[in-house]
Structure formats: structure tokens, C-alpha cells
Amino acid sequence: MDTWFRPVGRWDVVALAVHTAHDDLLGMVAPFALALAHRTALVIDLDPQGLPLPGNRSLARMVEDGPTLDELVPSRPGLAVLPHGGVDSEAAAQVVGALAGSWPCVVVRSRVRLPGMPFAEVTPLIPGVVTRTKPRIWVRTGIGKVDPGPGPVVDSPGRSAVDAVLAGRMPAGRWVRSWSGVWSWPWQ
């Protein structure tokens, strides 16, 4: 498959792959904040090295069995999560492409760029981080005075947001709302 993302019909499907540098916990919660900017969204985990995301059926199992119609087409608003499960990203390409082509919003946690899908790096603003770079999603940390580089700046997750994700619940509040502007950037 030459691309992972294909718009369907006249509606543009929103899809973005993200990777978080320097902070595995932020890498676990950031895809949720990004996805929650939409009424209906799917978070897909393609990062075998990241902290595991909560969820019942894994991407590996879906690749093995094939997706069902219910998995391809959301039946209700809200957020769905597809944990990694140990599948190779190339083996998952067809399933991820089908999901990205049918869900209104898809966020893929991935350490690498996926052909045809916009990619954004999430970087905490901590002393020593290089900010003279291509646009990224910058996350305030409150540690030192670091000016962001190009790209949107979002709030750091509060303890309640981290606790919610770790408990398998969806985070809410100011932190999640600060991510809505990320979608308006021209990610490549």
C-alpha cells in the first residue's frame, strides 16, 4: 500500500500520526488529548516501544482476524482505542489504512512517519531541548524558561488527566481543550 490515509468520498477524514520525544508518559496521554478534540475518534497504537495503551481488542488481533464492519464504521460518538498487541507496522498497514479511511478522526501513535499520513512530534518544553526545528507540538512543563519553536503550544497534562488514562478513562478539562488548535496546523 502506497499510503496509509485516503479521504473517503467528499468528506475529508482527519488523520495524524504523532510521536512524543523525551517523555513516555506524555507519549501515552498525548494521543488521547489530540483525539478528544473531535466528537468521534480512534487512537491506534503503532509504537511497540511505548507504554501500552488501554483497550480490549488489539491491532495485532485485528490484523490477524480482519476488522469487522462495526470496527470500521463507528456506531456512536466517543473515543475508541486500539492497543498495539505486538504487530509489525508493515503488516498492519492495510488495516490502519482502512480504519483511517473510514473513521472521522484517527490518531496513530508511531515513532516513524507513515506514508501519506501527516506526522507531528510532541516535545515537552524542558531546558536543553532544541527548539530551532521544524514545527512540533510543544507541551508546557513549568520546568525552567524555555521558549517554544514553531508550532502550537499546549498545556501540560494535569495529574487527573494522567490518572484517567492510566485507569482506562478519558481525560477532560483545560489540558484537553488546549489541543484543539493542533488540528489547524499544516502537518506534513
N, C-alpha and C. Protein backbone atom coordinates (compact mmCIF):
# COMPACT_ATOMS: atom_id res chain seq x y z
N MET A 1 0.85 -1.18 0.00
CA MET A 1 0.00 0.00 0.00
C MET A 1 0.89 1.23 0.00
N ASP A 2 0.63 2.17 -0.89
CA ASP A 2 1.48 3.33 -1.01
C ASP A 2 1.16 4.44 -0.01
N THR A 3 -0.04 4.49 0.52
CA THR A 3 -0.37 5.46 1.56
C THR A 3 -1.22 4.78 2.63
N TRP A 4 -1.18 5.36 3.81
CA TRP A 4 -1.96 4.84 4.93
C TRP A 4 -3.28 5.58 5.08
N PHE A 5 -3.41 6.69 4.40
CA PHE A 5 -4.54 7.57 4.63
C PHE A 5 -5.18 7.94 3.30
N ARG A 6 -6.45 7.71 3.19
CA ARG A 6 -7.17 8.08 1.98
C ARG A 6 -8.48 8.76 2.38
N PRO A 7 -8.73 9.99 1.89
CA PRO A 7 -10.03 10.60 2.13
C PRO A 7 -11.13 9.77 1.47
N VAL A 8 -12.28 9.74 2.07
CA VAL A 8 -13.39 8.95 1.56
C VAL A 8 -14.47 9.88 1.05
N GLY A 9 -14.88 9.70 -0.19
CA GLY A 9 -15.97 10.49 -0.75
C GLY A 9 -15.66 11.97 -0.69
N ARG A 10 -16.67 12.76 -0.36
CA ARG A 10 -16.47 14.20 -0.33
C ARG A 10 -16.05 14.69 1.05
N TRP A 11 -16.03 13.80 2.04
CA TRP A 11 -15.66 14.20 3.39
C TRP A 11 -14.17 13.95 3.60
N ASP A 12 -13.47 14.91 4.13
CA ASP A 12 -12.07 14.70 4.47
C ASP A 12 -11.99 13.99 5.81
N VAL A 13 -11.31 12.89 5.83
CA VAL A 13 -11.07 12.17 7.08
C VAL A 13 -9.85 12.79 7.73
N VAL A 14 -9.91 13.06 9.00
CA VAL A 14 -8.80 13.67 9.72
C VAL A 14 -7.93 12.55 10.29
N ALA A 15 -6.66 12.55 9.93
CA ALA A 15 -5.74 11.55 10.46
C ALA A 15 -4.40 12.21 10.72
N LEU A 16 -3.76 11.83 11.82
CA LEU A 16 -2.47 12.38 12.18
C LEU A 16 -1.70 11.33 12.97
N ALA A 17 -0.45 11.11 12.57
CA ALA A 17 0.45 10.25 13.33
C ALA A 17 1.28 11.14 14.25
N VAL A 18 1.48 10.71 15.49
CA VAL A 18 2.24 11.51 16.45
C VAL A 18 3.26 10.64 17.17
N HIS A 19 4.37 11.30 17.55
CA HIS A 19 5.39 10.66 18.38
C HIS A 19 5.81 11.67 19.43
N THR A 20 5.99 11.21 20.65
CA THR A 20 6.42 12.08 21.73
C THR A 20 7.87 11.77 22.09
N ALA A 21 8.71 12.79 22.02
CA ALA A 21 10.11 12.64 22.38
C ALA A 21 10.31 12.96 23.85
N HIS A 22 11.24 12.29 24.48
CA HIS A 22 11.73 12.61 25.83
C HIS A 22 10.79 12.26 26.99
N ASP A 23 9.59 11.75 26.74
CA ASP A 23 8.65 11.53 27.85
C ASP A 23 7.65 10.44 27.49
N ASP A 24 7.86 9.23 27.99
CA ASP A 24 6.98 8.11 27.65
C ASP A 24 5.57 8.28 28.21
N LEU A 25 5.45 8.87 29.39
CA LEU A 25 4.10 9.07 29.94
C LEU A 25 3.31 10.07 29.10
N LEU A 26 3.95 11.15 28.71
CA LEU A 26 3.29 12.11 27.81
C LEU A 26 2.95 11.43 26.49
N GLY A 27 3.83 10.55 26.03
CA GLY A 27 3.57 9.80 24.80
C GLY A 27 2.36 8.91 24.89
N MET A 28 2.01 8.52 26.10
CA MET A 28 0.81 7.70 26.30
C MET A 28 -0.46 8.54 26.32
N VAL A 29 -0.41 9.72 26.93
CA VAL A 29 -1.62 10.52 27.09
C VAL A 29 -1.86 11.53 25.96
N ALA A 30 -0.81 11.95 25.26
CA ALA A 30 -0.96 12.96 24.21
C ALA A 30 -1.92 12.53 23.09
N PRO A 31 -1.86 11.28 22.60
CA PRO A 31 -2.80 10.91 21.54
C PRO A 31 -4.27 11.04 21.96
N PHE A 32 -4.55 10.82 23.25
CA PHE A 32 -5.92 10.96 23.73
C PHE A 32 -6.38 12.42 23.68
N ALA A 33 -5.52 13.33 24.11
CA ALA A 33 -5.88 14.75 24.08
C ALA A 33 -6.12 15.21 22.65
N LEU A 34 -5.29 14.76 21.75
CA LEU A 34 -5.44 15.12 20.34
C LEU A 34 -6.74 14.57 19.77
N ALA A 35 -7.04 13.32 20.07
CA ALA A 35 -8.26 12.68 19.55
C ALA A 35 -9.52 13.29 20.16
N LEU A 36 -9.45 13.68 21.42
CA LEU A 36 -10.64 14.20 22.10
C LEU A 36 -11.07 15.58 21.60
N ALA A 37 -10.29 16.17 20.69
CA ALA A 37 -10.72 17.42 20.07
C ALA A 37 -11.85 17.17 19.08
N HIS A 38 -12.13 15.91 18.79
CA HIS A 38 -13.19 15.52 17.86
C HIS A 38 -14.27 14.72 18.58
N ARG A 39 -15.45 14.78 18.06
CA ARG A 39 -16.59 14.10 18.68
C ARG A 39 -16.47 12.58 18.62
N THR A 40 -15.95 12.07 17.51
CA THR A 40 -15.76 10.63 17.33
C THR A 40 -14.36 10.41 16.80
N ALA A 41 -13.57 9.59 17.50
CA ALA A 41 -12.18 9.40 17.11
C ALA A 41 -11.68 8.01 17.51
N LEU A 42 -10.63 7.58 16.82
CA LEU A 42 -9.96 6.32 17.09
C LEU A 42 -8.49 6.59 17.31
N VAL A 43 -7.93 6.06 18.41
CA VAL A 43 -6.50 6.12 18.67
C VAL A 43 -5.94 4.74 18.36
N ILE A 44 -4.95 4.68 17.46
CA ILE A 44 -4.31 3.42 17.08
C ILE A 44 -2.87 3.46 17.56
N ASP A 45 -2.45 2.41 18.23
CA ASP A 45 -1.08 2.32 18.75
C ASP A 45 -0.20 1.52 17.80
N LEU A 46 0.75 2.20 17.16
CA LEU A 46 1.75 1.54 16.31
C LEU A 46 3.14 1.71 16.90
N ASP A 47 3.23 1.91 18.21
CA ASP A 47 4.51 2.11 18.88
C ASP A 47 4.77 0.95 19.84
N PRO A 48 5.51 -0.07 19.38
CA PRO A 48 5.75 -1.22 20.25
C PRO A 48 6.66 -0.91 21.43
N GLN A 49 7.37 0.23 21.40
CA GLN A 49 8.29 0.58 22.47
C GLN A 49 7.66 1.50 23.51
N GLY A 50 6.47 2.04 23.22
CA GLY A 50 5.83 2.96 24.15
C GLY A 50 5.08 2.23 25.24
N LEU A 51 4.70 2.97 26.27
CA LEU A 51 3.85 2.40 27.31
C LEU A 51 2.56 1.91 26.67
N PRO A 52 2.06 0.76 27.07
CA PRO A 52 0.86 0.22 26.42
C PRO A 52 -0.38 1.07 26.67
N LEU A 53 -1.18 1.21 25.62
CA LEU A 53 -2.45 1.92 25.74
C LEU A 53 -3.52 0.95 26.20
N PRO A 54 -4.52 1.46 26.94
CA PRO A 54 -5.61 0.58 27.38
C PRO A 54 -6.52 0.21 26.22
N GLY A 55 -7.16 -0.93 26.31
CA GLY A 55 -8.10 -1.34 25.28
C GLY A 55 -8.29 -2.84 25.28
N ASN A 56 -9.37 -3.30 24.68
CA ASN A 56 -9.69 -4.72 24.68
C ASN A 56 -9.09 -5.46 23.49
N ARG A 57 -9.53 -5.17 22.30
CA ARG A 57 -9.06 -5.86 21.11
C ARG A 57 -7.82 -5.14 20.58
N SER A 58 -6.77 -5.86 20.27
CA SER A 58 -5.52 -5.23 19.85
C SER A 58 -5.44 -5.12 18.33
N LEU A 59 -4.55 -4.26 17.88
CA LEU A 59 -4.29 -4.11 16.46
C LEU A 59 -3.75 -5.42 15.90
N ALA A 60 -2.91 -6.11 16.65
CA ALA A 60 -2.38 -7.40 16.19
C ALA A 60 -3.50 -8.39 15.93
N ARG A 61 -4.46 -8.45 16.83
CA ARG A 61 -5.59 -9.38 16.67
C ARG A 61 -6.46 -8.97 15.47
N MET A 62 -6.64 -7.65 15.30
CA MET A 62 -7.44 -7.17 14.18
C MET A 62 -6.75 -7.50 12.85
N VAL A 63 -5.43 -7.38 12.81
CA VAL A 63 -4.70 -7.73 11.60
C VAL A 63 -4.84 -9.23 11.32
N GLU A 64 -4.77 -10.02 12.36
CA GLU A 64 -4.89 -11.48 12.22
C GLU A 64 -6.28 -11.91 11.77
N ASP A 65 -7.32 -11.36 12.39
CA ASP A 65 -8.70 -11.77 12.12
C ASP A 65 -9.39 -10.93 11.04
N GLY A 66 -8.88 -9.74 10.79
CA GLY A 66 -9.54 -8.79 9.91
C GLY A 66 -10.52 -7.95 10.71
N PRO A 67 -10.70 -6.68 10.33
CA PRO A 67 -11.64 -5.82 11.05
C PRO A 67 -13.08 -6.18 10.71
N THR A 68 -13.96 -6.02 11.68
CA THR A 68 -15.38 -6.21 11.44
C THR A 68 -15.98 -4.89 10.94
N LEU A 69 -17.18 -4.94 10.41
CA LEU A 69 -17.84 -3.73 9.96
C LEU A 69 -18.03 -2.76 11.12
N ASP A 70 -18.37 -3.29 12.30
CA ASP A 70 -18.54 -2.43 13.48
C ASP A 70 -17.25 -1.71 13.84
N GLU A 71 -16.10 -2.33 13.58
CA GLU A 71 -14.82 -1.70 13.88
C GLU A 71 -14.43 -0.68 12.81
N LEU A 72 -14.87 -0.90 11.60
CA LEU A 72 -14.55 0.02 10.51
C LEU A 72 -15.41 1.27 10.52
N VAL A 73 -16.64 1.14 10.99
CA VAL A 73 -17.58 2.26 10.98
C VAL A 73 -18.09 2.48 12.41
N PRO A 74 -17.72 3.61 13.02
CA PRO A 74 -18.18 3.84 14.39
C PRO A 74 -19.70 3.97 14.46
N SER A 75 -20.28 3.34 15.46
CA SER A 75 -21.74 3.36 15.60
C SER A 75 -22.23 4.42 16.58
N ARG A 76 -21.31 5.04 17.30
CA ARG A 76 -21.70 6.07 18.27
C ARG A 76 -20.55 7.05 18.44
N PRO A 77 -20.84 8.24 18.92
CA PRO A 77 -19.75 9.19 19.16
C PRO A 77 -18.90 8.74 20.35
N GLY A 78 -17.70 9.26 20.42
CA GLY A 78 -16.80 8.95 21.52
C GLY A 78 -15.44 8.54 21.00
N LEU A 79 -14.65 8.03 21.91
CA LEU A 79 -13.27 7.67 21.62
C LEU A 79 -13.10 6.16 21.73
N ALA A 80 -12.45 5.57 20.74
CA ALA A 80 -12.10 4.15 20.77
C ALA A 80 -10.58 4.05 20.73
N VAL A 81 -10.06 2.99 21.33
CA VAL A 81 -8.61 2.78 21.41
C VAL A 81 -8.27 1.40 20.89
N LEU A 82 -7.25 1.33 20.06
CA LEU A 82 -6.77 0.06 19.52
C LEU A 82 -5.33 -0.12 19.96
N PRO A 83 -5.10 -0.91 21.04
CA PRO A 83 -3.74 -1.13 21.53
C PRO A 83 -2.89 -1.88 20.51
N HIS A 84 -1.59 -1.83 20.68
CA HIS A 84 -0.63 -2.38 19.73
C HIS A 84 -0.73 -3.90 19.60
N GLY A 85 -0.43 -4.62 20.64
CA GLY A 85 -0.54 -6.08 20.62
C GLY A 85 0.61 -6.82 19.97
N GLY A 86 1.68 -6.13 19.56
CA GLY A 86 2.86 -6.82 19.04
C GLY A 86 2.90 -7.01 17.54
N VAL A 87 2.11 -6.30 16.78
CA VAL A 87 2.10 -6.45 15.32
C VAL A 87 3.14 -5.55 14.67
N ASP A 88 3.72 -6.00 13.59
CA ASP A 88 4.66 -5.22 12.80
C ASP A 88 3.88 -4.14 12.04
N SER A 89 4.44 -2.92 11.97
CA SER A 89 3.70 -1.83 11.34
C SER A 89 3.45 -2.08 9.86
N GLU A 90 4.35 -2.73 9.16
CA GLU A 90 4.10 -3.03 7.75
C GLU A 90 2.96 -4.03 7.59
N ALA A 91 2.88 -5.01 8.50
CA ALA A 91 1.79 -5.99 8.44
C ALA A 91 0.45 -5.33 8.74
N ALA A 92 0.48 -4.24 9.52
CA ALA A 92 -0.75 -3.55 9.92
C ALA A 92 -1.18 -2.48 8.93
N ALA A 93 -0.38 -2.20 7.91
CA ALA A 93 -0.63 -1.07 7.01
C ALA A 93 -2.02 -1.12 6.39
N GLN A 94 -2.45 -2.25 5.91
CA GLN A 94 -3.75 -2.33 5.24
C GLN A 94 -4.89 -2.06 6.21
N VAL A 95 -4.82 -2.63 7.40
CA VAL A 95 -5.88 -2.42 8.40
C VAL A 95 -5.89 -0.96 8.86
N VAL A 96 -4.71 -0.39 9.13
CA VAL A 96 -4.64 1.01 9.56
C VAL A 96 -5.18 1.92 8.46
N GLY A 97 -4.85 1.62 7.22
CA GLY A 97 -5.37 2.41 6.10
C GLY A 97 -6.88 2.35 6.01
N ALA A 98 -7.44 1.15 6.21
CA ALA A 98 -8.90 1.01 6.16
C ALA A 98 -9.56 1.79 7.29
N LEU A 99 -8.99 1.74 8.48
CA LEU A 99 -9.54 2.47 9.63
C LEU A 99 -9.43 3.98 9.42
N ALA A 100 -8.26 4.43 8.94
CA ALA A 100 -8.06 5.86 8.70
C ALA A 100 -8.97 6.37 7.60
N GLY A 101 -9.37 5.49 6.70
CA GLY A 101 -10.26 5.89 5.62
C GLY A 101 -11.73 5.86 5.96
N SER A 102 -12.07 5.34 7.14
CA SER A 102 -13.50 5.23 7.47
C SER A 102 -13.90 5.94 8.76
N TRP A 103 -12.97 6.19 9.67
CA TRP A 103 -13.30 6.90 10.91
C TRP A 103 -13.22 8.41 10.66
N PRO A 104 -14.04 9.22 11.34
CA PRO A 104 -13.99 10.67 11.16
C PRO A 104 -12.66 11.27 11.62
N CYS A 105 -12.01 10.66 12.60
CA CYS A 105 -10.74 11.15 13.12
C CYS A 105 -9.92 9.95 13.59
N VAL A 106 -8.65 9.91 13.19
CA VAL A 106 -7.75 8.84 13.62
C VAL A 106 -6.44 9.47 14.06
N VAL A 107 -5.98 9.08 15.25
CA VAL A 107 -4.67 9.48 15.76
C VAL A 107 -3.86 8.20 15.90
N VAL A 108 -2.70 8.17 15.25
CA VAL A 108 -1.84 7.00 15.30
C VAL A 108 -0.59 7.35 16.09
N ARG A 109 -0.34 6.59 17.14
CA ARG A 109 0.91 6.77 17.90
C ARG A 109 1.98 5.94 17.20
N SER A 110 2.98 6.62 16.65
CA SER A 110 4.01 5.95 15.86
C SER A 110 5.33 6.67 16.01
N ARG A 111 6.42 5.95 16.07
CA ARG A 111 7.75 6.56 16.14
C ARG A 111 8.26 6.98 14.77
N VAL A 112 7.62 6.50 13.73
CA VAL A 112 8.08 6.78 12.37
C VAL A 112 6.94 7.38 11.55
N ARG A 113 7.32 8.08 10.50
CA ARG A 113 6.33 8.61 9.57
C ARG A 113 5.66 7.47 8.84
N LEU A 114 4.37 7.64 8.57
CA LEU A 114 3.61 6.65 7.81
C LEU A 114 3.32 7.24 6.44
N PRO A 115 3.57 6.49 5.38
CA PRO A 115 3.38 7.04 4.03
C PRO A 115 1.99 7.63 3.84
N GLY A 116 1.95 8.89 3.42
CA GLY A 116 0.69 9.54 3.12
C GLY A 116 -0.07 10.10 4.30
N MET A 117 0.43 9.92 5.54
CA MET A 117 -0.27 10.43 6.72
C MET A 117 0.55 11.56 7.34
N PRO A 118 -0.07 12.70 7.62
CA PRO A 118 0.67 13.77 8.29
C PRO A 118 1.26 13.29 9.62
N PHE A 119 2.39 13.87 10.01
CA PHE A 119 3.12 13.43 11.20
C PHE A 119 3.50 14.65 12.03
N ALA A 120 3.35 14.56 13.34
CA ALA A 120 3.75 15.65 14.24
C ALA A 120 4.49 15.06 15.43
N GLU A 121 5.55 15.73 15.81
CA GLU A 121 6.28 15.32 17.00
C GLU A 121 5.81 16.16 18.17
N VAL A 122 5.61 15.50 19.31
CA VAL A 122 5.20 16.17 20.54
C VAL A 122 6.45 16.29 21.41
N THR A 123 6.78 17.52 21.82
CA THR A 123 8.01 17.74 22.56
C THR A 123 7.75 18.58 23.81
N PRO A 124 8.11 18.05 24.99
CA PRO A 124 7.95 18.85 26.20
C PRO A 124 8.98 19.99 26.22
N LEU A 125 8.54 21.13 26.69
CA LEU A 125 9.44 22.29 26.81
C LEU A 125 10.23 22.16 28.11
N ILE A 126 11.40 21.56 28.00
CA ILE A 126 12.29 21.38 29.14
C ILE A 126 13.66 21.97 28.79
N PRO A 127 14.40 22.45 29.78
CA PRO A 127 15.72 23.01 29.49
C PRO A 127 16.58 22.01 28.71
N GLY A 128 17.25 22.52 27.68
CA GLY A 128 18.13 21.69 26.87
C GLY A 128 17.50 21.14 25.62
N VAL A 129 16.16 21.21 25.50
CA VAL A 129 15.52 20.70 24.29
C VAL A 129 15.75 21.71 23.16
N VAL A 130 16.05 21.19 21.98
CA VAL A 130 16.31 22.04 20.82
C VAL A 130 14.97 22.55 20.28
N THR A 131 14.83 23.87 20.21
CA THR A 131 13.57 24.45 19.73
C THR A 131 13.71 25.06 18.34
N ARG A 132 14.91 25.13 17.82
CA ARG A 132 15.11 25.60 16.44
C ARG A 132 14.98 24.40 15.52
N THR A 133 13.76 24.10 15.18
CA THR A 133 13.46 22.90 14.42
C THR A 133 12.19 23.12 13.61
N LYS A 134 11.80 22.11 12.88
CA LYS A 134 10.54 22.18 12.13
C LYS A 134 9.39 22.23 13.13
N PRO A 135 8.20 22.63 12.70
CA PRO A 135 7.07 22.74 13.64
C PRO A 135 6.80 21.44 14.39
N ARG A 136 6.52 21.60 15.66
CA ARG A 136 6.18 20.49 16.56
C ARG A 136 5.03 20.93 17.45
N ILE A 137 4.51 20.00 18.19
CA ILE A 137 3.55 20.31 19.24
C ILE A 137 4.37 20.47 20.51
N TRP A 138 4.40 21.67 21.06
CA TRP A 138 5.20 21.97 22.25
C TRP A 138 4.31 21.88 23.48
N VAL A 139 4.76 21.18 24.49
CA VAL A 139 3.98 20.99 25.72
C VAL A 139 4.66 21.75 26.86
N ARG A 140 3.92 22.69 27.45
CA ARG A 140 4.44 23.43 28.61
C ARG A 140 4.70 22.45 29.75
N THR A 141 5.79 22.67 30.47
CA THR A 141 6.10 21.80 31.61
C THR A 141 6.23 22.57 32.92
N GLY A 142 6.53 23.86 32.83
CA GLY A 142 6.77 24.64 34.04
C GLY A 142 8.18 24.44 34.57
N ILE A 143 9.02 23.71 33.85
CA ILE A 143 10.39 23.47 34.27
C ILE A 143 11.30 24.44 33.51
N GLY A 144 11.82 25.43 34.19
CA GLY A 144 12.69 26.40 33.54
C GLY A 144 11.93 27.29 32.57
N LYS A 145 12.64 28.22 31.96
CA LYS A 145 12.06 29.13 30.97
C LYS A 145 12.59 28.73 29.61
N VAL A 146 11.75 28.05 28.83
CA VAL A 146 12.14 27.60 27.51
C VAL A 146 11.13 28.15 26.51
N ASP A 147 11.62 28.92 25.54
CA ASP A 147 10.74 29.45 24.50
C ASP A 147 10.51 28.37 23.46
N PRO A 148 9.27 28.19 23.03
CA PRO A 148 8.97 27.14 22.04
C PRO A 148 9.48 27.52 20.66
N GLY A 149 9.66 26.51 19.84
CA GLY A 149 9.95 26.71 18.43
C GLY A 149 8.64 26.86 17.68
N PRO A 150 8.68 26.70 16.36
CA PRO A 150 7.45 26.82 15.58
C PRO A 150 6.48 25.68 15.89
N GLY A 151 5.21 26.02 15.90
CA GLY A 151 4.16 25.03 16.16
C GLY A 151 3.30 25.44 17.34
N PRO A 152 2.20 24.74 17.51
CA PRO A 152 1.28 25.08 18.61
C PRO A 152 1.86 24.71 19.98
N VAL A 153 1.48 25.48 20.99
CA VAL A 153 1.90 25.22 22.37
C VAL A 153 0.66 24.80 23.14
N VAL A 154 0.74 23.66 23.82
CA VAL A 154 -0.39 23.16 24.60
C VAL A 154 -0.01 23.08 26.07
N ASP A 155 -1.01 22.98 26.92
CA ASP A 155 -0.79 22.89 28.35
C ASP A 155 -0.23 21.52 28.73
N SER A 156 0.43 21.46 29.85
CA SER A 156 0.90 20.16 30.34
C SER A 156 -0.28 19.42 30.95
N PRO A 157 -0.25 18.09 30.91
CA PRO A 157 -1.37 17.35 31.47
C PRO A 157 -1.37 17.45 33.00
N GLY A 158 -2.55 17.65 33.55
CA GLY A 158 -2.68 17.64 34.99
C GLY A 158 -2.68 16.21 35.51
N ARG A 159 -2.53 16.08 36.78
CA ARG A 159 -2.50 14.75 37.40
C ARG A 159 -3.79 13.97 37.10
N SER A 160 -4.92 14.67 37.08
CA SER A 160 -6.19 13.99 36.83
C SER A 160 -6.24 13.42 35.42
N ALA A 161 -5.64 14.11 34.45
CA ALA A 161 -5.61 13.61 33.07
C ALA A 161 -4.77 12.34 32.99
N VAL A 162 -3.60 12.35 33.60
CA VAL A 162 -2.73 11.16 33.59
C VAL A 162 -3.41 10.01 34.33
N ASP A 163 -3.97 10.30 35.50
CA ASP A 163 -4.67 9.25 36.27
C ASP A 163 -5.82 8.64 35.47
N ALA A 164 -6.56 9.49 34.74
CA ALA A 164 -7.69 9.00 33.95
C ALA A 164 -7.22 8.02 32.88
N VAL A 165 -6.18 8.38 32.13
CA VAL A 165 -5.69 7.50 31.07
C VAL A 165 -5.15 6.19 31.66
N LEU A 166 -4.40 6.28 32.74
CA LEU A 166 -3.85 5.08 33.36
C LEU A 166 -4.94 4.15 33.89
N ALA A 167 -6.09 4.72 34.26
CA ALA A 167 -7.21 3.93 34.76
C ALA A 167 -8.16 3.50 33.63
N GLY A 168 -7.82 3.85 32.39
CA GLY A 168 -8.67 3.46 31.26
C GLY A 168 -9.87 4.36 31.04
N ARG A 169 -9.84 5.57 31.64
CA ARG A 169 -10.90 6.55 31.44
C ARG A 169 -10.38 7.67 30.56
N MET A 170 -11.28 8.43 29.98
CA MET A 170 -10.89 9.52 29.11
C MET A 170 -10.63 10.78 29.93
N PRO A 171 -9.50 11.46 29.67
CA PRO A 171 -9.23 12.71 30.38
C PRO A 171 -10.15 13.82 29.88
N ALA A 172 -10.27 14.87 30.66
CA ALA A 172 -11.10 16.01 30.28
C ALA A 172 -10.46 17.28 30.84
N GLY A 173 -11.04 18.41 30.53
CA GLY A 173 -10.63 19.66 31.13
C GLY A 173 -9.78 20.54 30.24
N ARG A 174 -9.17 21.54 30.87
CA ARG A 174 -8.40 22.57 30.20
C ARG A 174 -7.28 21.97 29.34
N TRP A 175 -6.61 20.97 29.83
CA TRP A 175 -5.50 20.36 29.09
C TRP A 175 -5.98 19.80 27.75
N VAL A 176 -7.08 19.08 27.77
CA VAL A 176 -7.62 18.51 26.53
C VAL A 176 -8.05 19.62 25.58
N ARG A 177 -8.71 20.64 26.10
CA ARG A 177 -9.16 21.75 25.24
C ARG A 177 -7.99 22.49 24.58
N SER A 178 -6.85 22.54 25.23
CA SER A 178 -5.71 23.26 24.66
C SER A 178 -5.16 22.56 23.40
N TRP A 179 -5.52 21.31 23.15
CA TRP A 179 -5.04 20.57 21.99
C TRP A 179 -5.86 20.81 20.72
N SER A 180 -7.01 21.44 20.82
CA SER A 180 -7.88 21.58 19.65
C SER A 180 -7.21 22.37 18.52
N GLY A 181 -6.36 23.33 18.84
CA GLY A 181 -5.68 24.12 17.82
C GLY A 181 -4.62 23.36 17.04
N VAL A 182 -4.21 22.21 17.54
CA VAL A 182 -3.19 21.41 16.86
C VAL A 182 -3.67 20.99 15.48
N TRP A 183 -4.97 20.73 15.36
CA TRP A 183 -5.51 20.24 14.10
C TRP A 183 -5.46 21.27 12.97
N SER A 184 -5.32 22.56 13.30
CA SER A 184 -5.30 23.57 12.24
C SER A 184 -3.91 23.79 11.65
N TRP A 185 -2.89 23.14 12.18
CA TRP A 185 -1.54 23.29 11.64
C TRP A 185 -1.38 22.43 10.41
N PRO A 186 -0.60 22.91 9.41
CA PRO A 186 -0.40 22.15 8.17
C PRO A 186 0.70 21.09 8.33
N TRP A 187 0.41 20.05 9.09
CA TRP A 187 1.41 19.00 9.34
C TRP A 187 1.72 18.27 8.04
N GLN A 188 2.93 17.83 7.92
CA GLN A 188 3.36 17.13 6.70
C GLN A 188 3.76 15.70 7.00
